[in-house]
Amino acid sequence: MKKPHHLAEPNCFEEKAEDNFEIFPRGLNIVWGDDPRYWSLETSTNGAATLIQVSWLDVSGMVEVKQGKKYRVTFEVMMKPDAFGWTGSPVLVMAKVGKKGKYTYSEILLSSHSGEAITIPDGGVEVDLTQGSEKKIYFGLYEVWSGKWKGGLMIKKAKVEPVT
């Protein structure tokens, strides 16, 4: 039996420049992502993921970077004109350094962005790797608190890049 969750495929990201990553949906972990009742993932390596309907939005990833820098995490998304269930349900973009790190996050209301491609959050979520020895950044896009069914979100990619 096929598992319902999509696990990140290692070849679905690009390092655009040193420590500057674009992670495409197939390179992310998507809860219910392998169940066509809930998500549609394009078959190409850099294709989009379209949310059909879920009550539990959980999309996450991880990259390994060099120490000594601060990094910014963002997601490029689009709300389809027929999107539903987002009113009053903020989405969180979260990031942390290492498995045991503390998350930093930003809340975004997507309901006012119908039909437009946007980068969320404005300015990104920053993590600091200037202290310690950890080199992994864990990040994600979440809405797991409202219990509402929602759909119509298209994820184009996540980005992790140094703060300049």
Protein backbone atom coordinates (compact mmCIF):
# COMPACT_ATOMS: atom_id res chain seq x y z
CA MET A 1 0.00 0.00 0.00
CA LYS A 2 1.24 3.46 -0.90
CA LYS A 3 1.88 5.83 2.00
CA PRO A 4 -0.35 8.94 2.10
CA HIS A 5 2.37 11.50 2.89
CA HIS A 6 4.85 12.82 0.35
CA LEU A 7 8.44 12.57 1.58
CA ALA A 8 11.02 15.02 0.25
CA GLU A 9 12.86 13.86 -2.84
CA PRO A 10 16.55 14.83 -2.60
CA ASN A 11 16.95 15.92 -6.24
CA CYS A 12 14.16 18.53 -6.14
CA PHE A 13 16.09 21.58 -5.07
CA GLU A 14 18.67 23.87 -6.61
CA GLU A 15 21.56 25.68 -4.99
CA LYS A 16 21.36 28.91 -7.02
CA ALA A 17 24.51 30.32 -5.43
CA GLU A 18 26.50 29.37 -2.36
CA ASP A 19 24.00 28.64 0.43
CA ASN A 20 21.11 30.06 -1.63
CA PHE A 21 18.50 27.33 -2.13
CA GLU A 22 15.26 26.95 -4.05
CA ILE A 23 13.32 23.93 -2.83
CA PHE A 24 10.52 22.77 -5.12
CA PRO A 25 7.41 21.00 -3.76
CA ARG A 26 8.73 17.50 -4.54
CA GLY A 27 11.72 18.42 -2.32
CA LEU A 28 9.39 19.10 0.63
CA ASN A 29 7.57 16.84 3.07
CA ILE A 30 3.82 17.27 2.49
CA VAL A 31 1.34 15.69 4.89
CA TRP A 32 -1.31 13.90 2.75
CA GLY A 33 0.76 14.91 -0.31
CA ASP A 34 0.64 11.47 -1.95
CA ASP A 35 -3.14 11.22 -1.71
CA PRO A 36 -4.81 12.74 -4.82
CA ARG A 37 -7.95 13.52 -2.81
CA TYR A 38 -5.94 16.18 -0.96
CA TRP A 39 -3.01 17.35 -3.12
CA SER A 40 -1.97 17.46 -6.75
CA LEU A 41 1.81 17.37 -7.27
CA GLU A 42 3.13 18.00 -10.75
CA THR A 43 5.44 15.22 -11.92
CA SER A 44 8.28 17.50 -13.04
CA THR A 45 11.11 18.11 -10.58
CA ASN A 46 10.30 21.83 -10.26
CA GLY A 47 6.50 21.58 -10.68
CA ALA A 48 3.99 23.13 -8.29
CA ALA A 49 1.90 21.45 -5.61
CA THR A 50 -1.79 22.39 -5.52
CA LEU A 51 -3.86 21.89 -2.41
CA ILE A 52 -7.23 20.35 -3.23
CA GLN A 53 -8.47 20.18 0.36
CA VAL A 54 -7.08 19.47 3.82
CA SER A 55 -7.90 20.44 7.37
CA TRP A 56 -4.24 20.03 8.37
CA LEU A 57 -1.71 22.04 6.30
CA ASP A 58 1.79 20.76 7.09
CA VAL A 59 4.55 21.32 4.51
CA SER A 60 8.15 21.14 5.75
CA GLY A 61 11.75 20.89 4.60
CA MET A 62 15.38 20.98 5.65
CA VAL A 63 18.61 22.28 4.11
CA GLU A 64 22.20 22.11 5.28
CA VAL A 65 24.10 25.40 5.06
CA LYS A 66 27.39 26.93 6.19
CA GLN A 67 27.72 28.33 9.69
CA GLY A 68 28.48 31.93 10.46
CA LYS A 69 25.56 33.55 8.61
CA LYS A 70 21.95 34.52 9.08
CA TYR A 71 19.41 33.03 6.66
CA ARG A 72 15.94 33.97 5.44
CA VAL A 73 13.17 31.44 4.69
CA THR A 74 10.26 32.27 2.36
CA PHE A 75 7.62 30.43 0.33
CA GLU A 76 6.37 31.40 -3.13
CA VAL A 77 2.66 30.62 -3.27
CA MET A 78 -0.48 31.54 -5.15
CA MET A 79 -4.09 31.53 -4.02
CA LYS A 80 -6.30 30.20 -6.80
CA PRO A 81 -9.50 32.17 -7.47
CA ASP A 82 -11.57 29.26 -6.11
CA ALA A 83 -9.58 29.03 -2.84
CA PHE A 84 -11.68 28.38 0.27
CA GLY A 85 -11.39 28.03 4.04
CA TRP A 86 -8.65 30.61 4.61
CA THR A 87 -10.68 33.44 6.18
CA GLY A 88 -9.62 33.86 9.79
CA SER A 89 -7.04 31.06 9.53
CA PRO A 90 -3.51 32.47 9.57
CA VAL A 91 -0.76 30.41 7.97
CA LEU A 92 2.57 30.24 9.80
CA VAL A 93 5.95 30.16 8.10
CA MET A 94 8.33 28.73 10.69
CA ALA A 95 12.08 28.08 10.79
CA LYS A 96 14.62 26.85 13.32
CA VAL A 97 18.29 25.92 13.56
CA GLY A 98 18.81 22.21 14.26
CA LYS A 99 16.25 19.62 15.38
CA LYS A 100 16.25 20.97 18.94
CA GLY A 101 16.23 24.66 18.03
CA LYS A 102 13.45 27.06 18.89
CA TYR A 103 11.14 28.06 16.06
CA THR A 104 10.82 31.63 14.86
CA TYR A 105 7.73 32.32 12.81
CA SER A 106 5.54 34.78 11.00
CA GLU A 107 1.74 34.67 10.61
CA ILE A 108 0.17 35.47 7.24
CA LEU A 109 -3.48 35.83 6.24
CA LEU A 110 -3.80 34.44 2.72
CA SER A 111 -7.52 35.11 2.21
CA SER A 112 -6.90 38.60 0.77
CA HIS A 113 -4.51 37.37 -1.96
CA SER A 114 -6.86 35.57 -4.35
CA GLY A 115 -5.40 34.98 -7.80
CA GLU A 116 -2.02 36.56 -7.12
CA ALA A 117 1.41 35.03 -6.72
CA ILE A 118 3.07 36.19 -3.50
CA THR A 119 6.18 35.55 -1.45
CA ILE A 120 5.43 34.89 2.20
CA PRO A 121 6.18 36.27 4.64
CA ASP A 122 7.28 39.79 3.71
CA GLY A 123 10.96 39.91 4.61
CA GLY A 124 11.06 36.18 5.38
CA VAL A 125 11.61 34.34 8.64
CA GLU A 126 15.21 34.71 9.79
CA VAL A 127 17.39 32.20 11.60
CA ASP A 128 20.88 32.84 12.96
CA LEU A 129 23.72 30.38 12.42
CA THR A 130 26.46 32.72 13.67
CA GLN A 131 26.62 30.88 17.02
CA GLY A 132 27.08 27.17 17.70
CA SER A 133 27.95 24.28 15.42
CA GLU A 134 24.57 23.39 13.87
CA LYS A 135 24.30 23.59 10.08
CA LYS A 136 20.74 22.40 9.39
CA ILE A 137 17.76 24.70 8.95
CA TYR A 138 14.31 23.14 9.42
CA PHE A 139 11.36 25.12 8.06
CA GLY A 140 7.73 24.80 7.16
CA LEU A 141 4.35 26.19 6.19
CA TYR A 142 1.56 25.33 8.63
CA GLU A 143 -2.12 25.80 9.42
CA VAL A 144 -3.10 23.03 11.79
CA TRP A 145 -5.06 24.90 14.45
CA SER A 146 -8.39 26.01 12.95
CA GLY A 147 -9.71 22.58 11.94
CA LYS A 148 -11.28 24.20 8.87
CA TRP A 149 -11.16 22.50 5.49
CA LYS A 150 -9.21 24.66 3.10
CA GLY A 151 -8.08 24.43 -0.51
CA GLY A 152 -6.86 26.34 -3.52
CA LEU A 153 -3.30 27.06 -2.35
CA MET A 154 -0.57 26.50 -4.92
CA ILE A 155 3.00 26.12 -3.62
CA LYS A 156 5.64 26.99 -6.21
CA LYS A 157 8.78 26.75 -4.05
CA ALA A 158 10.47 27.52 -0.77
CA LYS A 159 13.65 29.57 -0.60
CA VAL A 160 16.45 29.63 1.95
CA GLU A 161 19.01 32.38 1.34
CA PRO A 162 21.64 34.29 3.26
CA VAL A 163 20.61 37.64 4.74
CA THR A 164 22.81 40.29 3.20
